[in-house]
PDB file of N, CA and C in Angstrom:
ATOM      1  N   UNK A   1       0.728  -1.098  -0.105  1.00  0.00           N
ATOM      2  CA  UNK A   1       0.066  -0.253  -0.114  1.00  0.00           C
ATOM      3  C   UNK A   1       0.738   1.293  -0.245  1.00  0.00           C
ATOM      4  N   UNK A   2       0.654   2.064  -0.815  1.00  0.00           N
ATOM      5  CA  UNK A   2       1.414   3.446  -0.979  1.00  0.00           C
ATOM      6  C   UNK A   2       0.688   4.532  -0.320  1.00  0.00           C
ATOM      7  N   UNK A   3       1.347   5.116   0.517  1.00  0.00           N
ATOM      8  CA  UNK A   3       0.997   6.368   1.031  1.00  0.00           C
ATOM      9  C   UNK A   3       1.121   7.467   0.412  1.00  0.00           C
ATOM     10  N   UNK A   4       0.238   8.379   0.270  1.00  0.00           N
ATOM     11  CA  UNK A   4       0.504   9.705  -0.541  1.00  0.00           C
ATOM     12  C   UNK A   4       0.688  10.806   0.537  1.00  0.00           C
ATOM     13  N   UNK A   5       1.691  11.602   0.249  1.00  0.00           N
ATOM     14  CA  UNK A   5       1.981  12.574   1.098  1.00  0.00           C
ATOM     15  C   UNK A   5       1.347  13.991   0.924  1.00  0.00           C
ATOM     16  N   UNK A   6       0.822  14.487   1.937  1.00  0.00           N
ATOM     17  CA  UNK A   6       0.060  15.800   1.846  1.00  0.00           C
ATOM     18  C   UNK A   6       1.080  17.031   2.069  1.00  0.00           C
ATOM     19  N   UNK A   7       0.956  17.709   0.979  1.00  0.00           N
ATOM     20  CA  UNK A   7       1.857  19.029   0.931  1.00  0.00           C
ATOM     21  C   UNK A   7       1.176  20.193   1.286  1.00  0.00           C
ATOM     22  N   UNK A   8       1.373  20.851   2.086  1.00  0.00           N
ATOM     23  CA  UNK A   8       0.571  22.296   2.637  1.00  0.00           C
ATOM     24  C   UNK A   8       0.986  23.404   1.574  1.00  0.00           C
ATOM     25  N   UNK A   9      -0.051  23.787   0.818  1.00  0.00           N
ATOM     26  CA  UNK A   9       0.074  24.651   0.098  1.00  0.00           C
ATOM     27  C   UNK A   9       1.068  25.923   0.352  1.00  0.00           C
ATOM     28  N   UNK A  10       0.917  26.504   1.699  1.00  0.00           N
ATOM     29  CA  UNK A  10       1.714  27.346   1.835  1.00  0.00           C
ATOM     30  C   UNK A  10       3.236  27.130   1.995  1.00  0.00           C
ATOM     31  N   UNK A  11       3.627  25.905   2.400  1.00  0.00           N
ATOM     32  CA  UNK A  11       4.834  25.411   2.509  1.00  0.00           C
ATOM     33  C   UNK A  11       5.431  25.383   0.840  1.00  0.00           C
ATOM     34  N   UNK A  12       4.660  24.859   0.145  1.00  0.00           N
ATOM     35  CA  UNK A  12       5.018  24.739  -1.418  1.00  0.00           C
ATOM     36  C   UNK A  12       5.302  26.205  -1.920  1.00  0.00           C
ATOM     37  N   UNK A  13       4.426  27.159  -1.550  1.00  0.00           N
ATOM     38  CA  UNK A  13       4.486  28.563  -2.293  1.00  0.00           C
ATOM     39  C   UNK A  13       5.803  29.035  -1.591  1.00  0.00           C
ATOM     40  N   UNK A  14       5.927  29.051  -0.337  1.00  0.00           N
ATOM     41  CA  UNK A  14       7.023  29.593   0.563  1.00  0.00           C
ATOM     42  C   UNK A  14       8.399  29.018  -0.248  1.00  0.00           C
ATOM     43  N   UNK A  15       8.559  27.704  -0.414  1.00  0.00           N
ATOM     44  CA  UNK A  15       9.754  27.219  -0.972  1.00  0.00           C
ATOM     45  C   UNK A  15       9.942  27.969  -2.403  1.00  0.00           C
ATOM     46  N   UNK A  16       8.938  27.924  -3.268  1.00  0.00           N
ATOM     47  CA  UNK A  16       9.054  28.676  -4.709  1.00  0.00           C
ATOM     48  C   UNK A  16       9.421  29.852  -4.601  1.00  0.00           C
ATOM     49  N   UNK A  17       8.768  30.839  -3.703  1.00  0.00           N
ATOM     50  CA  UNK A  17       9.213  32.130  -3.510  1.00  0.00           C
ATOM     51  C   UNK A  17      10.545  32.359  -2.828  1.00  0.00           C
ATOM     52  N   UNK A  18      11.063  31.588  -1.818  1.00  0.00           N
ATOM     53  CA  UNK A  18      12.131  31.671  -1.414  1.00  0.00           C
ATOM     54  C   UNK A  18      13.345  31.249  -2.401  1.00  0.00           C
ATOM     55  N   UNK A  19      13.030  30.344  -3.069  1.00  0.00           N
ATOM     56  CA  UNK A  19      14.046  30.053  -4.065  1.00  0.00           C
ATOM     57  C   UNK A  19      14.350  31.184  -5.038  1.00  0.00           C
ATOM     58  N   UNK A  20      13.289  31.800  -5.625  1.00  0.00           N
ATOM     59  CA  UNK A  20      13.307  32.916  -6.525  1.00  0.00           C
ATOM     60  C   UNK A  20      14.042  34.210  -5.883  1.00  0.00           C
ATOM     61  N   UNK A  21      13.656  34.387  -4.660  1.00  0.00           N
ATOM     62  CA  UNK A  21      14.151  35.552  -4.030  1.00  0.00           C
ATOM     63  C   UNK A  21      15.692  35.288  -3.642  1.00  0.00           C
ATOM     64  N   UNK A  22      16.081  33.813  -3.322  1.00  0.00           N
ATOM     65  CA  UNK A  22      17.573  33.777  -2.975  1.00  0.00           C
ATOM     66  C   UNK A  22      18.357  33.636  -4.262  1.00  0.00           C
ATOM     67  N   UNK A  23      17.900  33.312  -5.405  1.00  0.00           N
ATOM     68  CA  UNK A  23      18.609  33.071  -6.559  1.00  0.00           C
ATOM     69  C   UNK A  23      19.609  33.979  -6.889  1.00  0.00           C
ATOM     70  N   UNK A  24      19.246  35.267  -7.069  1.00  0.00           N
ATOM     71  CA  UNK A  24      20.114  36.349  -7.396  1.00  0.00           C
ATOM     72  C   UNK A  24      20.178  37.620  -6.401  1.00  0.00           C
ATOM     73  N   UNK A  25      19.967  37.101  -5.269  1.00  0.00           N
ATOM     74  CA  UNK A  25      19.810  38.247  -4.221  1.00  0.00           C
ATOM     75  C   UNK A  25      21.159  39.130  -4.083  1.00  0.00           C
ATOM     76  N   UNK A  26      22.131  38.842  -4.865  1.00  0.00           N
ATOM     77  CA  UNK A  26      23.305  39.610  -4.945  1.00  0.00           C
ATOM     78  C   UNK A  26      23.175  40.937  -5.699  1.00  0.00           C
ATOM     79  N   UNK A  27      22.237  40.820  -6.621  1.00  0.00           N
ATOM     80  CA  UNK A  27      21.829  41.914  -7.598  1.00  0.00           C
ATOM     81  C   UNK A  27      20.935  42.605  -6.557  1.00  0.00           C
ATOM     82  N   UNK A  28      19.959  42.289  -5.609  1.00  0.00           N
ATOM     83  CA  UNK A  28      19.150  43.262  -4.987  1.00  0.00           C
ATOM     84  C   UNK A  28      19.914  43.909  -3.998  1.00  0.00           C
ATOM     85  N   UNK A  29      21.433  43.622  -3.647  1.00  0.00           N
ATOM     86  CA  UNK A  29      21.976  44.117  -2.582  1.00  0.00           C
ATOM     87  C   UNK A  29      22.201  45.537  -2.964  1.00  0.00           C
ATOM     88  N   UNK A  30      22.383  45.953  -4.147  1.00  0.00           N
ATOM     89  CA  UNK A  30      22.759  47.325  -4.759  1.00  0.00           C
ATOM     90  C   UNK A  30      21.485  48.146  -4.855  1.00  0.00           C
ATOM     91  N   UNK A  31      20.172  47.612  -4.636  1.00  0.00           N
ATOM     92  CA  UNK A  31      19.024  48.460  -4.682  1.00  0.00           C
ATOM     93  C   UNK A  31      18.865  49.219  -3.477  1.00  0.00           C
ATOM     94  N   UNK A  32      18.151  50.368  -3.601  1.00  0.00           N
ATOM     95  CA  UNK A  32      17.961  51.176  -2.487  1.00  0.00           C
ATOM     96  C   UNK A  32      16.760  50.442  -1.706  1.00  0.00           C
ATOM     97  N   UNK A  33      16.644  50.781  -0.345  1.00  0.00           N
ATOM     98  CA  UNK A  33      15.614  50.069   0.535  1.00  0.00           C
ATOM     99  C   UNK A  33      14.344  50.326   0.013  1.00  0.00           C
ATOM    100  N   UNK A  34      14.010  51.346  -0.634  1.00  0.00           N
ATOM    101  CA  UNK A  34      12.614  51.584  -1.121  1.00  0.00           C
ATOM    102  C   UNK A  34      12.129  50.468  -2.070  1.00  0.00           C
ATOM    103  N   UNK A  35      13.092  49.982  -2.784  1.00  0.00           N
ATOM    104  CA  UNK A  35      12.980  48.969  -3.800  1.00  0.00           C
ATOM    105  C   UNK A  35      12.804  47.815  -3.182  1.00  0.00           C
ATOM    106  N   UNK A  36      13.438  47.447  -2.080  1.00  0.00           N
ATOM    107  CA  UNK A  36      13.680  46.067  -1.327  1.00  0.00           C
ATOM    108  C   UNK A  36      12.240  45.832  -0.612  1.00  0.00           C
ATOM    109  N   UNK A  37      11.767  47.022   0.046  1.00  0.00           N
ATOM    110  CA  UNK A  37      10.787  46.803   1.027  1.00  0.00           C
ATOM    111  C   UNK A  37       9.572  46.224   0.567  1.00  0.00           C
ATOM    112  N   UNK A  38       9.042  46.393  -0.809  1.00  0.00           N
ATOM    113  CA  UNK A  38       7.952  45.766  -1.329  1.00  0.00           C
ATOM    114  C   UNK A  38       8.079  44.027  -1.386  1.00  0.00           C
ATOM    115  N   UNK A  39       9.213  43.581  -1.470  1.00  0.00           N
ATOM    116  CA  UNK A  39       9.443  42.223  -1.269  1.00  0.00           C
ATOM    117  C   UNK A  39       9.183  41.738  -0.013  1.00  0.00           C
ATOM    118  N   UNK A  40       9.253  42.459   1.201  1.00  0.00           N
ATOM    119  CA  UNK A  40       9.042  41.980   2.284  1.00  0.00           C
ATOM    120  C   UNK A  40       7.678  41.658   2.395  1.00  0.00           C
ATOM    121  N   UNK A  41       6.784  42.051   1.717  1.00  0.00           N
ATOM    122  CA  UNK A  41       5.237  41.589   1.814  1.00  0.00           C
ATOM    123  C   UNK A  41       4.779  40.555   0.955  1.00  0.00           C
ATOM    124  N   UNK A  42       5.892  39.796   0.595  1.00  0.00           N
ATOM    125  CA  UNK A  42       5.562  38.514  -0.144  1.00  0.00           C
ATOM    126  C   UNK A  42       4.776  37.587   0.778  1.00  0.00           C
ATOM    127  N   UNK A  43       5.203  37.599   2.037  1.00  0.00           N
ATOM    128  CA  UNK A  43       4.757  36.911   3.103  1.00  0.00           C
ATOM    129  C   UNK A  43       3.051  36.914   3.245  1.00  0.00           C
ATOM    130  N   UNK A  44       2.669  37.977   2.708  1.00  0.00           N
ATOM    131  CA  UNK A  44       1.032  38.303   2.681  1.00  0.00           C
ATOM    132  C   UNK A  44       0.492  37.400   1.601  1.00  0.00           C
ATOM    133  N   UNK A  45       1.322  37.166   0.555  1.00  0.00           N
ATOM    134  CA  UNK A  45       0.736  36.174  -0.572  1.00  0.00           C
ATOM    135  C   UNK A  45       0.526  34.813  -0.020  1.00  0.00           C
ATOM    136  N   UNK A  46       1.517  34.319   0.863  1.00  0.00           N
ATOM    137  CA  UNK A  46       1.339  32.985   1.278  1.00  0.00           C
ATOM    138  C   UNK A  46       0.367  32.847   2.405  1.00  0.00           C
ATOM    139  N   UNK A  47       0.439  33.792   3.430  1.00  0.00           N
ATOM    140  CA  UNK A  47      -0.541  33.735   4.219  1.00  0.00           C
ATOM    141  C   UNK A  47      -1.596  34.972   4.296  1.00  0.00           C
ATOM    142  N   UNK A  48      -2.824  34.567   3.861  1.00  0.00           N
ATOM    143  CA  UNK A  48      -3.841  35.674   3.669  1.00  0.00           C
ATOM    144  C   UNK A  48      -3.971  36.442   4.808  1.00  0.00           C
ATOM    145  N   UNK A  49      -3.507  37.701   4.819  1.00  0.00           N
ATOM    146  CA  UNK A  49      -3.615  38.492   6.065  1.00  0.00           C
ATOM    147  C   UNK A  49      -3.897  39.971   5.610  1.00  0.00           C
ATOM    148  N   UNK A  50      -4.796  40.520   6.649  1.00  0.00           N
ATOM    149  CA  UNK A  50      -5.149  42.081   6.427  1.00  0.00           C
ATOM    150  C   UNK A  50      -3.975  42.812   6.054  1.00  0.00           C
ATOM    151  N   UNK A  51      -4.340  43.909   5.535  1.00  0.00           N
ATOM    152  CA  UNK A  51      -3.108  44.803   4.937  1.00  0.00           C
ATOM    153  C   UNK A  51      -2.456  45.605   6.260  1.00  0.00           C
ATOM    154  N   UNK A  52      -3.364  45.655   7.170  1.00  0.00           N
ATOM    155  CA  UNK A  52      -2.807  46.509   8.385  1.00  0.00           C
ATOM    156  C   UNK A  52      -2.227  45.615   9.437  1.00  0.00           C
ATOM    157  N   UNK A  53      -2.214  44.387   9.317  1.00  0.00           N
ATOM    158  CA  UNK A  53      -1.384  43.539  10.054  1.00  0.00           C
ATOM    159  C   UNK A  53       0.006  43.489  10.006  1.00  0.00           C
ATOM    160  N   UNK A  54       0.774  43.226  10.771  1.00  0.00           N
ATOM    161  CA  UNK A  54       2.292  43.242  10.711  1.00  0.00           C
ATOM    162  C   UNK A  54       2.593  41.895  10.073  1.00  0.00           C
ATOM    163  N   UNK A  55       3.866  41.927   9.327  1.00  0.00           N
ATOM    164  CA  UNK A  55       4.250  40.846   8.549  1.00  0.00           C
ATOM    165  C   UNK A  55       5.270  40.106   9.516  1.00  0.00           C
ATOM    166  N   UNK A  56       5.683  40.633  10.579  1.00  0.00           N
ATOM    167  CA  UNK A  56       6.794  40.189  11.424  1.00  0.00           C
ATOM    168  C   UNK A  56       6.364  38.955  11.940  1.00  0.00           C
ATOM    169  N   UNK A  57       5.187  38.837  12.542  1.00  0.00           N
ATOM    170  CA  UNK A  57       4.752  37.393  13.170  1.00  0.00           C
ATOM    171  C   UNK A  57       4.773  36.255  12.202  1.00  0.00           C
ATOM    172  N   UNK A  58       4.343  36.625  10.778  1.00  0.00           N
ATOM    173  CA  UNK A  58       4.265  35.619   9.793  1.00  0.00           C
ATOM    174  C   UNK A  58       5.774  35.218   9.304  1.00  0.00           C
ATOM    175  N   UNK A  59       6.789  36.168   9.363  1.00  0.00           N
ATOM    176  CA  UNK A  59       8.000  35.846   9.048  1.00  0.00           C
ATOM    177  C   UNK A  59       8.652  34.939   9.933  1.00  0.00           C
ATOM    178  N   UNK A  60       8.149  35.004  11.180  1.00  0.00           N
ATOM    179  CA  UNK A  60       8.673  34.241  12.254  1.00  0.00           C
ATOM    180  C   UNK A  60       8.254  32.796  12.150  1.00  0.00           C
ATOM    181  N   UNK A  61       6.734  32.682  11.844  1.00  0.00           N
ATOM    182  CA  UNK A  61       6.091  31.529  11.781  1.00  0.00           C
ATOM    183  C   UNK A  61       6.680  30.836  10.365  1.00  0.00           C
ATOM    184  N   UNK A  62       7.136  31.493   9.437  1.00  0.00           N
ATOM    185  CA  UNK A  62       7.688  30.958   8.364  1.00  0.00           C
ATOM    186  C   UNK A  62       9.316  30.557   8.307  1.00  0.00           C
ATOM    187  N   UNK A  63       9.722  31.078   9.505  1.00  0.00           N
ATOM    188  CA  UNK A  63      11.199  31.022   9.638  1.00  0.00           C
ATOM    189  C   UNK A  63      11.967  31.596   8.546  1.00  0.00           C
ATOM    190  N   UNK A  64      11.460  32.867   8.103  1.00  0.00           N
ATOM    191  CA  UNK A  64      12.096  33.674   7.126  1.00  0.00           C
ATOM    192  C   UNK A  64      12.938  34.850   7.583  1.00  0.00           C
ATOM    193  N   UNK A  65      13.952  35.405   7.361  1.00  0.00           N
ATOM    194  CA  UNK A  65      14.659  36.501   7.487  1.00  0.00           C
ATOM    195  C   UNK A  65      13.912  37.654   6.768  1.00  0.00           C
ATOM    196  N   UNK A  66      14.196  38.755   7.385  1.00  0.00           N
ATOM    197  CA  UNK A  66      13.743  40.027   6.660  1.00  0.00           C
ATOM    198  C   UNK A  66      14.560  39.976   5.397  1.00  0.00           C
ATOM    199  N   UNK A  67      14.055  40.507   4.163  1.00  0.00           N
ATOM    200  CA  UNK A  67      14.613  40.410   3.049  1.00  0.00           C
ATOM    201  C   UNK A  67      16.021  41.208   3.107  1.00  0.00           C
ATOM    202  N   UNK A  68      16.134  42.132   3.738  1.00  0.00           N
ATOM    203  CA  UNK A  68      17.385  42.965   3.829  1.00  0.00           C
ATOM    204  C   UNK A  68      18.617  42.136   4.355  1.00  0.00           C
ATOM    205  N   UNK A  69      18.087  41.332   5.621  1.00  0.00           N
ATOM    206  CA  UNK A  69      18.966  40.590   6.294  1.00  0.00           C
ATOM    207  C   UNK A  69      19.194  39.174   5.417  1.00  0.00           C
ATOM    208  N   UNK A  70      18.491  38.845   4.607  1.00  0.00           N
ATOM    209  CA  UNK A  70      18.675  37.647   3.886  1.00  0.00           C
ATOM    210  C   UNK A  70      19.816  37.795   2.745  1.00  0.00           C
ATOM    211  N   UNK A  71      19.624  39.195   2.191  1.00  0.00           N
ATOM    212  CA  UNK A  71      20.475  39.374   1.277  1.00  0.00           C
ATOM    213  C   UNK A  71      21.892  39.778   1.826  1.00  0.00           C
ATOM    214  N   UNK A  72      22.036  40.245   2.852  1.00  0.00           N
ATOM    215  CA  UNK A  72      23.317  40.335   3.531  1.00  0.00           C
ATOM    216  C   UNK A  72      23.863  39.141   4.011  1.00  0.00           C
ATOM    217  N   UNK A  73      23.057  38.181   4.515  1.00  0.00           N
ATOM    218  CA  UNK A  73      23.518  36.823   5.003  1.00  0.00           C
ATOM    219  C   UNK A  73      24.004  35.967   3.855  1.00  0.00           C
ATOM    220  N   UNK A  74      23.406  36.197   2.629  1.00  0.00           N
ATOM    221  CA  UNK A  74      23.734  35.411   1.374  1.00  0.00           C
ATOM    222  C   UNK A  74      25.293  35.991   0.888  1.00  0.00           C
ATOM    223  N   UNK A  75      25.332  37.248   0.862  1.00  0.00           N
ATOM    224  CA  UNK A  75      26.538  37.783   0.473  1.00  0.00           C
ATOM    225  C   UNK A  75      27.791  37.397   1.495  1.00  0.00           C
ATOM    226  N   UNK A  76      27.534  37.602   2.755  1.00  0.00           N
ATOM    227  CA  UNK A  76      28.365  37.307   3.852  1.00  0.00           C
ATOM    228  C   UNK A  76      29.018  35.662   3.644  1.00  0.00           C
ATOM    229  N   UNK A  77      27.852  34.764   3.454  1.00  0.00           N
ATOM    230  CA  UNK A  77      28.050  33.292   3.248  1.00  0.00           C
ATOM    231  C   UNK A  77      29.046  33.127   1.860  1.00  0.00           C
ATOM    232  N   UNK A  78      28.790  33.802   0.896  1.00  0.00           N
ATOM    233  CA  UNK A  78      29.581  33.752  -0.268  1.00  0.00           C
ATOM    234  C   UNK A  78      30.813  34.063  -0.092  1.00  0.00           C
ATOM    235  N   UNK A  79      31.113  35.364   0.538  1.00  0.00           N
ATOM    236  CA  UNK A  79      32.430  35.570   0.860  1.00  0.00           C
ATOM    237  C   UNK A  79      33.169  34.917   1.788  1.00  0.00           C
ATOM    238  N   UNK A  80      32.615  34.307   2.721  1.00  0.00           N
ATOM    239  CA  UNK A  80      33.117  33.177   3.681  1.00  0.00           C
ATOM    240  C   UNK A  80      33.657  32.077   3.135  1.00  0.00           C
ATOM    241  N   UNK A  81      32.790  31.718   1.889  1.00  0.00           N
ATOM    242  CA  UNK A  81      33.304  30.503   1.015  1.00  0.00           C
ATOM    243  C   UNK A  81      34.622  30.695   0.287  1.00  0.00           C
ATOM    244  N   UNK A  82      34.702  31.985  -0.059  1.00  0.00           N
ATOM    245  CA  UNK A  82      36.064  32.185  -0.671  1.00  0.00           C
ATOM    246  C   UNK A  82      37.196  32.048   0.226  1.00  0.00           C
ATOM    247  N   UNK A  83      37.050  32.259   1.452  1.00  0.00           N
ATOM    248  CA  UNK A  83      38.458  32.109   2.361  1.00  0.00           C
ATOM    249  C   UNK A  83      38.319  30.857   3.053  1.00  0.00           C
ATOM    250  N   UNK A  84      37.568  29.717   2.639  1.00  0.00           N
ATOM    251  CA  UNK A  84      37.571  28.478   3.455  1.00  0.00           C
ATOM    252  C   UNK A  84      38.622  27.402   2.474  1.00  0.00           C
ATOM    253  N   UNK A  85      39.077  26.655   3.371  1.00  0.00           N
ATOM    254  CA  UNK A  85      40.003  25.611   2.500  1.00  0.00           C
ATOM    255  C   UNK A  85      39.415  24.887   1.274  1.00  0.00           C
ATOM    256  N   UNK A  86      38.044  24.779   1.322  1.00  0.00           N
ATOM    257  CA  UNK A  86      37.302  24.202  -0.028  1.00  0.00           C
ATOM    258  C   UNK A  86      36.670  25.430  -0.640  1.00  0.00           C
ATOM    259  N   UNK A  87      37.810  26.288  -1.123  1.00  0.00           N
ATOM    260  CA  UNK A  87      37.457  27.452  -1.902  1.00  0.00           C
ATOM    261  C   UNK A  87      36.610  27.183  -3.277  1.00  0.00           C
ATOM    262  N   UNK A  88      35.548  28.057  -3.326  1.00  0.00           N
ATOM    263  CA  UNK A  88      35.049  28.304  -4.630  1.00  0.00           C
ATOM    264  C   UNK A  88      35.718  28.791  -5.775  1.00  0.00           C
ATOM    265  N   UNK A  89      36.589  28.271  -6.237  1.00  0.00           N
ATOM    266  CA  UNK A  89      37.438  28.973  -7.332  1.00  0.00           C
ATOM    267  C   UNK A  89      36.987  29.843  -8.278  1.00  0.00           C
ATOM    268  N   UNK A  90      35.776  29.811  -8.759  1.00  0.00           N
ATOM    269  CA  UNK A  90      35.107  30.646  -9.579  1.00  0.00           C
ATOM    270  C   UNK A  90      35.048  32.166  -8.891  1.00  0.00           C
ATOM    271  N   UNK A  91      34.765  31.925  -7.551  1.00  0.00           N
ATOM    272  CA  UNK A  91      34.436  33.123  -6.932  1.00  0.00           C
ATOM    273  C   UNK A  91      35.888  33.813  -6.388  1.00  0.00           C
ATOM    274  N   UNK A  92      36.701  32.945  -6.023  1.00  0.00           N
ATOM    275  CA  UNK A  92      37.947  33.342  -5.439  1.00  0.00           C
ATOM    276  C   UNK A  92      38.725  34.214  -6.617  1.00  0.00           C
ATOM    277  N   UNK A  93      38.668  33.792  -7.913  1.00  0.00           N
ATOM    278  CA  UNK A  93      39.232  34.556  -8.933  1.00  0.00           C
ATOM    279  C   UNK A  93      38.618  36.064  -9.103  1.00  0.00           C
ATOM    280  N   UNK A  94      37.383  36.125  -8.808  1.00  0.00           N
ATOM    281  CA  UNK A  94      36.651  37.457  -9.203  1.00  0.00           C
ATOM    282  C   UNK A  94      36.822  38.400  -7.862  1.00  0.00           C
ATOM    283  N   UNK A  95      36.985  37.925  -6.865  1.00  0.00           N
ATOM    284  CA  UNK A  95      36.879  38.664  -5.513  1.00  0.00           C
ATOM    285  C   UNK A  95      38.150  39.346  -5.267  1.00  0.00           C
ATOM    286  N   UNK A  96      38.263  40.717  -4.987  1.00  0.00           N
ATOM    287  CA  UNK A  96      39.429  41.306  -4.460  1.00  0.00           C
ATOM    288  C   UNK A  96      39.272  41.743  -2.978  1.00  0.00           C
TER     289      UNK A  96
END
């Protein structure tokens, strides 16, 4: 007997949206905060919430960092990777 797995639509949407936001967030790092701020409200798409409610509690439930911190984290992780013994040679060659 094969069991089917139930997938929560919010989890699926969350994974899809996060993968798209994380894919090229190095490009987002150079944008002004006024351009990045609307991305923070993506959580409203996943959890239907009234416009006046704060997004912070939803971000905590979804285990998301705020977008600005996520961008900073990803860039720091990439720079850290260039200094580790298992260097990413393609990054090490272009970072000064």
